[in-house]
Amino acid sequence: MLVDHALELPLHWRMPRLEARWFIDVYEKNKDKNPIILELAILDYNIVQSIHQEDLRYVST
């Protein structure tokens, strides 16, 4: 799964935040996941997303 994903498109062509979301989804399916790390990753993603939404709201007004 990870290799297939890596071969689809080079990492430097991908959008970092979308790639982070993809890795969060993959990590959620992992049996040996650390729930604290997963929760922190999701919180970080949501915080950055809200910052981007605020910036977009500011720019569009």
Protein backbone atom coordinates (compact mmCIF):
# COMPACT_ATOMS: atom_id res chain seq x y z
CA MET A 1 0.00 0.00 0.00
CA LEU A 2 2.70 2.50 0.96
CA VAL A 3 4.91 1.51 -1.96
CA ASP A 4 2.04 1.77 -4.43
CA HIS A 5 1.22 5.21 -3.09
CA ALA A 6 4.84 6.32 -3.34
CA LEU A 7 5.11 5.12 -6.92
CA GLU A 8 1.98 6.93 -8.08
CA LEU A 9 3.45 10.40 -7.78
CA PRO A 10 6.72 11.74 -6.36
CA LEU A 11 6.45 13.14 -2.85
CA HIS A 12 7.68 16.59 -3.87
CA TRP A 13 4.74 16.91 -6.30
CA ARG A 14 2.16 16.18 -3.63
CA MET A 15 0.41 18.71 -1.42
CA PRO A 16 1.89 18.25 2.08
CA ARG A 17 -1.37 18.65 4.00
CA LEU A 18 -3.24 16.19 1.81
CA GLU A 19 -0.35 13.79 2.16
CA ALA A 20 -0.54 14.20 5.95
CA ARG A 21 -4.24 13.38 5.85
CA TRP A 22 -3.50 10.29 3.78
CA PHE A 23 -0.90 9.12 6.30
CA ILE A 24 -3.33 9.72 9.17
CA ASP A 25 -5.89 7.51 7.44
CA VAL A 26 -3.29 4.80 6.83
CA TYR A 27 -2.03 5.00 10.42
CA GLU A 28 -5.59 4.65 11.76
CA LYS A 29 -5.81 1.24 10.08
CA ASN A 30 -2.52 0.09 11.61
CA LYS A 31 -2.95 -2.52 14.35
CA ASP A 32 0.10 -1.29 16.26
CA LYS A 33 -0.91 2.36 16.28
CA ASN A 34 -0.23 4.63 19.22
CA PRO A 35 -3.55 6.36 19.99
CA ILE A 36 -1.85 9.42 21.47
CA ILE A 37 0.24 10.01 18.35
CA LEU A 38 -2.83 9.51 16.19
CA GLU A 39 -4.83 11.99 18.25
CA LEU A 40 -2.03 14.56 18.10
CA ALA A 41 -1.73 14.15 14.33
CA ILE A 42 -5.46 14.66 13.88
CA LEU A 43 -5.43 17.70 16.19
CA ASP A 44 -2.51 19.20 14.29
CA TYR A 45 -4.24 18.62 10.98
CA ASN A 46 -7.46 20.22 12.22
CA ILE A 47 -5.65 23.22 13.72
CA VAL A 48 -3.76 23.92 10.52
CA GLN A 49 -6.94 23.46 8.50
CA SER A 50 -8.78 26.00 10.67
CA ILE A 51 -5.91 28.48 10.25
CA HIS A 52 -6.09 28.07 6.48
CA GLN A 53 -9.86 28.57 6.59
CA GLU A 54 -9.44 31.77 8.61
CA ASP A 55 -6.85 33.04 6.15
CA LEU A 56 -9.14 32.26 3.25
CA ARG A 57 -12.02 34.02 4.97
CA TYR A 58 -9.81 37.06 5.56
CA VAL A 59 -8.59 37.18 1.96
CA SER A 60 -12.04 36.71 0.44
CA THR A 61 -13.65 39.61 2.33
